[in-house]
Amino acid sequence: MNDERIGPPCWQTLLDSPPMWLGLGLFGLERANELQRQLDQQLHWQRPTLTLYGRQHLIPRRQIWMGDPDAAYRYSGESFTPAPWHPAVEEIKVAVERSLEASGQRVSFNSVLLNRYADGEDRMGWHSDDEAELGEDPLIAAVSLGAERPLRFRWQDRRGAAFNVWLPHDSLLVMGPGTQRQLQHALLPRKLPGMRISLTFRRVYPR
């Protein structure tokens, strides 16, 4: 794993192909703590029902789909209309875009999926963010606030062993083009305390 400085945050290269890297210290501890508090207390967290294998289930976490008015999104048989941008989420989006631009990636996000995990029992199953609305080989940026948890990855073609990427408070995981096509990821349950909020920024192309 190679460390290199490309402006804030401090980047660590996780994979070269497909490209994946982790940034540490996106906001600094004090501001990151305040952003986590605002999101936890001020957002209208939801627990929607998704259809899996023909049956409906409440998701094992709380979430919000947020973004531009035309950034509707569909997955697991359900359609999601974005809530308007919250000022704290817009601040995070701008920080992510500027950090990526400083590293040579010019990206403009128009939507974000926020997930709130109350503790280590809340989870997300295996999936790839490869819906048609995201275009071919999207770049997706995920900010973590709160309790550190590992995101588990596995290769679609099982070419290699599965692996964990630990996501600490105030970190930014960037999954570059090809990641969603070649890998799946999951936040598996663990006996870990503490609440965590993740924000996965993406660009939706209206259909």
C-alpha atoms as a PDB file:
ATOM      1  CA  MET A   1       0.000   0.000   0.000  1.00  0.00           C
ATOM      2  CA  ASN A   2       1.580   3.283  -1.109  1.00  0.00           C
ATOM      3  CA  ASP A   3       1.023   6.536   0.771  1.00  0.00           C
ATOM      4  CA  GLU A   4       1.193   9.841  -1.080  1.00  0.00           C
ATOM      5  CA  ARG A   5       0.192  13.393  -0.305  1.00  0.00           C
ATOM      6  CA  ILE A   6      -2.159  15.076  -2.781  1.00  0.00           C
ATOM      7  CA  GLY A   7      -3.431  17.898  -0.632  1.00  0.00           C
ATOM      8  CA  PRO A   8      -5.914  17.126   2.105  1.00  0.00           C
ATOM      9  CA  PRO A   9      -6.751  14.393   2.866  1.00  0.00           C
ATOM     10  CA  CYS A  10      -3.719  12.058   3.048  1.00  0.00           C
ATOM     11  CA  TRP A  11      -4.229   9.416   0.373  1.00  0.00           C
ATOM     12  CA  GLN A  12      -3.467   5.695   0.532  1.00  0.00           C
ATOM     13  CA  THR A  13      -3.587   3.613  -2.660  1.00  0.00           C
ATOM     14  CA  LEU A  14      -5.525   0.400  -2.025  1.00  0.00           C
ATOM     15  CA  LEU A  15      -5.698  -1.023  -5.560  1.00  0.00           C
ATOM     16  CA  ASP A  16      -4.178  -0.007  -8.876  1.00  0.00           C
ATOM     17  CA  SER A  17      -6.570  -1.970 -11.084  1.00  0.00           C
ATOM     18  CA  PRO A  18      -9.367  -1.200 -10.637  1.00  0.00           C
ATOM     19  CA  PRO A  19      -8.301   2.047  -8.966  1.00  0.00           C
ATOM     20  CA  MET A  20      -9.294   2.390  -5.329  1.00  0.00           C
ATOM     21  CA  TRP A  21      -7.846   4.731  -2.743  1.00  0.00           C
ATOM     22  CA  LEU A  22      -8.562   5.912   0.783  1.00  0.00           C
ATOM     23  CA  GLY A  23      -8.198   9.454   2.101  1.00  0.00           C
ATOM     24  CA  LEU A  24      -7.701  10.113   5.808  1.00  0.00           C
ATOM     25  CA  GLY A  25      -8.480  13.377   7.565  1.00  0.00           C
ATOM     26  CA  LEU A  26     -10.996  14.911   5.181  1.00  0.00           C
ATOM     27  CA  PHE A  27     -12.233  17.571   7.623  1.00  0.00           C
ATOM     28  CA  GLY A  28     -10.221  17.210  10.799  1.00  0.00           C
ATOM     29  CA  LEU A  29     -11.583  15.661  13.983  1.00  0.00           C
ATOM     30  CA  GLU A  30     -13.501  18.650  15.354  1.00  0.00           C
ATOM     31  CA  ARG A  31     -15.413  19.435  12.158  1.00  0.00           C
ATOM     32  CA  ALA A  32     -16.013  15.765  11.376  1.00  0.00           C
ATOM     33  CA  ASN A  33     -17.531  15.273  14.841  1.00  0.00           C
ATOM     34  CA  GLU A  34     -19.840  18.252  14.319  1.00  0.00           C
ATOM     35  CA  LEU A  35     -20.936  17.053  10.871  1.00  0.00           C
ATOM     36  CA  GLN A  36     -21.760  13.625  12.260  1.00  0.00           C
ATOM     37  CA  ARG A  37     -23.827  15.226  15.028  1.00  0.00           C
ATOM     38  CA  GLN A  38     -25.733  17.426  12.554  1.00  0.00           C
ATOM     39  CA  LEU A  39     -26.538  14.565  10.223  1.00  0.00           C
ATOM     40  CA  ASP A  40     -27.630  12.307  13.062  1.00  0.00           C
ATOM     41  CA  GLN A  41     -29.932  14.888  14.642  1.00  0.00           C
ATOM     42  CA  GLN A  42     -31.202  16.960  11.722  1.00  0.00           C
ATOM     43  CA  LEU A  43     -31.966  14.484   8.938  1.00  0.00           C
ATOM     44  CA  HIS A  44     -35.229  12.604   8.541  1.00  0.00           C
ATOM     45  CA  TRP A  45     -33.835   9.073   8.553  1.00  0.00           C
ATOM     46  CA  GLN A  46     -35.968   6.412   6.882  1.00  0.00           C
ATOM     47  CA  ARG A  47     -36.168   2.635   6.910  1.00  0.00           C
ATOM     48  CA  PRO A  48     -37.704   1.675   3.568  1.00  0.00           C
ATOM     49  CA  THR A  49     -38.808  -1.758   2.434  1.00  0.00           C
ATOM     50  CA  LEU A  50     -36.914  -3.480  -0.379  1.00  0.00           C
ATOM     51  CA  THR A  51     -37.918  -6.496  -2.448  1.00  0.00           C
ATOM     52  CA  LEU A  52     -35.515  -9.445  -2.356  1.00  0.00           C
ATOM     53  CA  TYR A  53     -36.310 -12.746  -4.054  1.00  0.00           C
ATOM     54  CA  GLY A  54     -39.943 -11.718  -4.355  1.00  0.00           C
ATOM     55  CA  ARG A  55     -40.386 -10.841  -0.677  1.00  0.00           C
ATOM     56  CA  GLN A  56     -40.368  -7.461   1.042  1.00  0.00           C
ATOM     57  CA  HIS A  57     -37.967  -6.715   3.881  1.00  0.00           C
ATOM     58  CA  LEU A  58     -37.201  -3.681   6.023  1.00  0.00           C
ATOM     59  CA  ILE A  59     -33.592  -2.718   5.417  1.00  0.00           C
ATOM     60  CA  PRO A  60     -31.259  -3.394   8.403  1.00  0.00           C
ATOM     61  CA  ARG A  61     -30.191   0.260   8.732  1.00  0.00           C
ATOM     62  CA  ARG A  62     -31.656   3.730   8.150  1.00  0.00           C
ATOM     63  CA  GLN A  63     -31.043   5.767   5.037  1.00  0.00           C
ATOM     64  CA  ILE A  64     -31.848   8.833   2.943  1.00  0.00           C
ATOM     65  CA  TRP A  65     -31.524   9.370  -0.810  1.00  0.00           C
ATOM     66  CA  MET A  66     -30.604  13.031  -1.412  1.00  0.00           C
ATOM     67  CA  GLY A  67     -29.656  15.116  -4.405  1.00  0.00           C
ATOM     68  CA  ASP A  68     -30.727  17.247  -7.340  1.00  0.00           C
ATOM     69  CA  PRO A  69     -34.459  17.108  -8.213  1.00  0.00           C
ATOM     70  CA  ASP A  70     -33.918  14.968 -11.321  1.00  0.00           C
ATOM     71  CA  ALA A  71     -31.583  12.446  -9.646  1.00  0.00           C
ATOM     72  CA  ALA A  72     -34.164   9.686  -9.168  1.00  0.00           C
ATOM     73  CA  TYR A  73     -32.714   6.250  -8.470  1.00  0.00           C
ATOM     74  CA  ARG A  74     -34.025   2.694  -8.648  1.00  0.00           C
ATOM     75  CA  TYR A  75     -32.673  -0.454  -7.032  1.00  0.00           C
ATOM     76  CA  SER A  76     -34.013  -3.697  -5.549  1.00  0.00           C
ATOM     77  CA  GLY A  77     -37.325  -3.050  -7.271  1.00  0.00           C
ATOM     78  CA  GLU A  78     -37.933   0.298  -5.578  1.00  0.00           C
ATOM     79  CA  SER A  79     -37.739   3.877  -6.878  1.00  0.00           C
ATOM     80  CA  PHE A  80     -36.305   6.671  -4.743  1.00  0.00           C
ATOM     81  CA  THR A  81     -36.963  10.368  -5.238  1.00  0.00           C
ATOM     82  CA  PRO A  82     -34.177  12.533  -3.783  1.00  0.00           C
ATOM     83  CA  ALA A  83     -34.699  14.708  -0.740  1.00  0.00           C
ATOM     84  CA  PRO A  84     -33.356  18.282  -1.136  1.00  0.00           C
ATOM     85  CA  TRP A  85     -29.722  18.879  -0.250  1.00  0.00           C
ATOM     86  CA  HIS A  86     -29.087  19.542   3.434  1.00  0.00           C
ATOM     87  CA  PRO A  87     -26.447  22.276   3.999  1.00  0.00           C
ATOM     88  CA  ALA A  88     -24.119  19.922   5.908  1.00  0.00           C
ATOM     89  CA  VAL A  89     -24.342  17.309   3.148  1.00  0.00           C
ATOM     90  CA  GLU A  90     -23.619  19.966   0.520  1.00  0.00           C
ATOM     91  CA  GLU A  91     -20.546  20.989   2.520  1.00  0.00           C
ATOM     92  CA  ILE A  92     -19.345  17.381   2.486  1.00  0.00           C
ATOM     93  CA  LYS A  93     -20.032  17.060  -1.245  1.00  0.00           C
ATOM     94  CA  VAL A  94     -18.003  20.165  -2.052  1.00  0.00           C
ATOM     95  CA  ALA A  95     -15.117  18.925   0.121  1.00  0.00           C
ATOM     96  CA  VAL A  96     -15.124  15.565  -1.660  1.00  0.00           C
ATOM     97  CA  GLU A  97     -15.181  17.154  -5.125  1.00  0.00           C
ATOM     98  CA  ARG A  98     -12.335  19.515  -4.221  1.00  0.00           C
ATOM     99  CA  SER A  99     -10.247  16.681  -2.780  1.00  0.00           C
ATOM    100  CA  LEU A 100     -10.750  14.646  -5.933  1.00  0.00           C
ATOM    101  CA  GLU A 101      -9.924  17.614  -8.125  1.00  0.00           C
ATOM    102  CA  ALA A 102      -6.685  18.121  -6.186  1.00  0.00           C
ATOM    103  CA  SER A 103      -5.785  14.512  -7.043  1.00  0.00           C
ATOM    104  CA  GLY A 104      -6.536  15.001 -10.741  1.00  0.00           C
ATOM    105  CA  GLN A 105     -10.128  13.677 -10.773  1.00  0.00           C
ATOM    106  CA  ARG A 106     -12.704  16.214 -11.934  1.00  0.00           C
ATOM    107  CA  VAL A 107     -16.071  14.850 -10.769  1.00  0.00           C
ATOM    108  CA  SER A 108     -19.396  16.582 -10.135  1.00  0.00           C
ATOM    109  CA  PHE A 109     -21.838  14.594  -8.007  1.00  0.00           C
ATOM    110  CA  ASN A 110     -25.597  15.186  -8.173  1.00  0.00           C
ATOM    111  CA  SER A 111     -26.753  12.695  -5.531  1.00  0.00           C
ATOM    112  CA  VAL A 112     -25.778  10.803  -2.408  1.00  0.00           C
ATOM    113  CA  LEU A 113     -27.039   7.786  -0.491  1.00  0.00           C
ATOM    114  CA  LEU A 114     -26.712   8.293   3.264  1.00  0.00           C
ATOM    115  CA  ASN A 115     -26.802   5.231   5.517  1.00  0.00           C
ATOM    116  CA  ARG A 116     -26.989   5.328   9.317  1.00  0.00           C
ATOM    117  CA  TYR A 117     -25.764   2.226  11.132  1.00  0.00           C
ATOM    118  CA  ALA A 118     -26.829   2.338  14.788  1.00  0.00           C
ATOM    119  CA  ASP A 119     -24.218  -0.266  15.796  1.00  0.00           C
ATOM    120  CA  GLY A 120     -22.318  -3.241  14.449  1.00  0.00           C
ATOM    121  CA  GLU A 121     -25.496  -5.257  13.923  1.00  0.00           C
ATOM    122  CA  ASP A 122     -26.820  -2.855  11.274  1.00  0.00           C
ATOM    123  CA  ARG A 123     -25.504  -3.912   7.914  1.00  0.00           C
ATOM    124  CA  MET A 124     -25.632  -3.901   4.102  1.00  0.00           C
ATOM    125  CA  GLY A 125     -25.453  -7.072   2.000  1.00  0.00           C
ATOM    126  CA  TRP A 126     -23.300  -7.927  -0.996  1.00  0.00           C
ATOM    127  CA  HIS A 127     -23.846  -5.685  -4.010  1.00  0.00           C
ATOM    128  CA  SER A 128     -22.235  -3.514  -6.658  1.00  0.00           C
ATOM    129  CA  ASP A 129     -23.299   0.050  -7.396  1.00  0.00           C
ATOM    130  CA  ASP A 130     -23.834  -0.748 -11.064  1.00  0.00           C
ATOM    131  CA  GLU A 131     -27.373   0.417 -11.789  1.00  0.00           C
ATOM    132  CA  ALA A 132     -27.946   1.734 -15.301  1.00  0.00           C
ATOM    133  CA  GLU A 133     -28.638   5.260 -13.991  1.00  0.00           C
ATOM    134  CA  LEU A 134     -24.995   5.523 -12.879  1.00  0.00           C
ATOM    135  CA  GLY A 135     -23.593   5.092 -16.364  1.00  0.00           C
ATOM    136  CA  GLU A 136     -20.779   2.802 -17.418  1.00  0.00           C
ATOM    137  CA  ASP A 137     -17.933   2.344 -14.894  1.00  0.00           C
ATOM    138  CA  PRO A 138     -18.909   5.102 -12.443  1.00  0.00           C
ATOM    139  CA  LEU A 139     -16.626   6.704  -9.876  1.00  0.00           C
ATOM    140  CA  ILE A 140     -18.176   6.555  -6.412  1.00  0.00           C
ATOM    141  CA  ALA A 141     -16.866   8.364  -3.333  1.00  0.00           C
ATOM    142  CA  ALA A 142     -17.849   7.248   0.178  1.00  0.00           C
ATOM    143  CA  VAL A 143     -17.351   9.390   3.303  1.00  0.00           C
ATOM    144  CA  SER A 144     -17.381   7.679   6.718  1.00  0.00           C
ATOM    145  CA  LEU A 145     -18.291   9.474   9.940  1.00  0.00           C
ATOM    146  CA  GLY A 146     -18.384   7.731  13.306  1.00  0.00           C
ATOM    147  CA  ALA A 147     -17.448   4.232  14.424  1.00  0.00           C
ATOM    148  CA  GLU A 148     -14.793   2.503  12.304  1.00  0.00           C
ATOM    149  CA  ARG A 149     -16.047  -0.529  10.387  1.00  0.00           C
ATOM    150  CA  PRO A 150     -14.565  -2.754   7.676  1.00  0.00           C
ATOM    151  CA  LEU A 151     -16.064  -2.778   4.196  1.00  0.00           C
ATOM    152  CA  ARG A 152     -15.655  -6.263   2.777  1.00  0.00           C
ATOM    153  CA  PHE A 153     -14.765  -6.712  -0.923  1.00  0.00           C
ATOM    154  CA  ARG A 154     -14.816  -9.781  -3.150  1.00  0.00           C
ATOM    155  CA  TRP A 155     -13.948 -10.238  -6.809  1.00  0.00           C
ATOM    156  CA  GLN A 156     -16.832 -10.877  -9.179  1.00  0.00           C
ATOM    157  CA  ASP A 157     -14.852 -13.595 -10.978  1.00  0.00           C
ATOM    158  CA  ARG A 158     -13.307 -14.867  -7.693  1.00  0.00           C
ATOM    159  CA  ARG A 159      -9.823 -14.225  -9.096  1.00  0.00           C
ATOM    160  CA  GLY A 160      -8.425 -13.516  -5.649  1.00  0.00           C
ATOM    161  CA  ALA A 161      -9.210 -13.609  -1.972  1.00  0.00           C
ATOM    162  CA  ALA A 162     -11.815 -11.333  -0.420  1.00  0.00           C
ATOM    163  CA  PHE A 163     -10.410  -8.473   1.635  1.00  0.00           C
ATOM    164  CA  ASN A 164     -11.408  -5.798   4.137  1.00  0.00           C
ATOM    165  CA  VAL A 165     -10.970  -2.035   3.899  1.00  0.00           C
ATOM    166  CA  TRP A 166     -11.312  -0.449   7.333  1.00  0.00           C
ATOM    167  CA  LEU A 167     -13.090   2.900   7.149  1.00  0.00           C
ATOM    168  CA  PRO A 168     -12.218   5.190  10.065  1.00  0.00           C
ATOM    169  CA  HIS A 169     -13.994   8.346  11.151  1.00  0.00           C
ATOM    170  CA  ASP A 170     -13.387  11.300   8.782  1.00  0.00           C
ATOM    171  CA  SER A 171     -12.247   9.133   5.863  1.00  0.00           C
ATOM    172  CA  LEU A 172     -13.017   9.141   2.138  1.00  0.00           C
ATOM    173  CA  LEU A 173     -13.027   5.921   0.110  1.00  0.00           C
ATOM    174  CA  VAL A 174     -12.873   6.422  -3.661  1.00  0.00           C
ATOM    175  CA  MET A 175     -13.919   3.519  -5.870  1.00  0.00           C
ATOM    176  CA  GLY A 176     -12.731   4.431  -9.341  1.00  0.00           C
ATOM    177  CA  PRO A 177     -13.917   3.284 -12.790  1.00  0.00           C
ATOM    178  CA  GLY A 178     -14.128  -0.487 -13.067  1.00  0.00           C
ATOM    179  CA  THR A 179     -14.527  -1.147  -9.345  1.00  0.00           C
ATOM    180  CA  GLN A 180     -18.281  -1.799  -9.513  1.00  0.00           C
ATOM    181  CA  ARG A 181     -17.856  -4.054 -12.544  1.00  0.00           C
ATOM    182  CA  GLN A 182     -15.058  -6.139 -11.028  1.00  0.00           C
ATOM    183  CA  LEU A 183     -15.865  -6.174  -7.313  1.00  0.00           C
ATOM    184  CA  GLN A 184     -18.770  -6.508  -4.919  1.00  0.00           C
ATOM    185  CA  HIS A 185     -18.796  -5.018  -1.426  1.00  0.00           C
ATOM    186  CA  ALA A 186     -20.746  -5.454   1.801  1.00  0.00           C
ATOM    187  CA  LEU A 187     -20.867  -4.049   5.323  1.00  0.00           C
ATOM    188  CA  LEU A 188     -21.203  -7.269   7.279  1.00  0.00           C
ATOM    189  CA  PRO A 189     -22.464  -7.457  10.880  1.00  0.00           C
ATOM    190  CA  ARG A 190     -19.804  -7.358  13.592  1.00  0.00           C
ATOM    191  CA  LYS A 191     -19.897  -7.070  17.350  1.00  0.00           C
ATOM    192  CA  LEU A 192     -18.636  -3.497  17.291  1.00  0.00           C
ATOM    193  CA  PRO A 193     -20.095  -0.594  19.290  1.00  0.00           C
ATOM    194  CA  GLY A 194     -20.855   2.887  18.051  1.00  0.00           C
ATOM    195  CA  MET A 195     -22.943   4.615  15.412  1.00  0.00           C
ATOM    196  CA  ARG A 196     -21.651   5.200  11.894  1.00  0.00           C
ATOM    197  CA  ILE A 197     -22.931   7.344   9.022  1.00  0.00           C
ATOM    198  CA  SER A 198     -21.764   6.781   5.462  1.00  0.00           C
ATOM    199  CA  LEU A 199     -22.364   9.058   2.492  1.00  0.00           C
ATOM    200  CA  THR A 200     -21.804   7.529  -0.956  1.00  0.00           C
ATOM    201  CA  PHE A 201     -21.690  10.259  -3.579  1.00  0.00           C
ATOM    202  CA  ARG A 202     -22.453   9.440  -7.179  1.00  0.00           C
ATOM    203  CA  ARG A 203     -23.677  10.937 -10.428  1.00  0.00           C
ATOM    204  CA  VAL A 204     -27.071   9.777 -11.659  1.00  0.00           C
ATOM    205  CA  TYR A 205     -27.940  10.212 -15.328  1.00  0.00           C
ATOM    206  CA  PRO A 206     -31.713  10.797 -15.645  1.00  0.00           C
ATOM    207  CA  ARG A 207     -33.425   8.247 -17.882  1.00  0.00           C
END
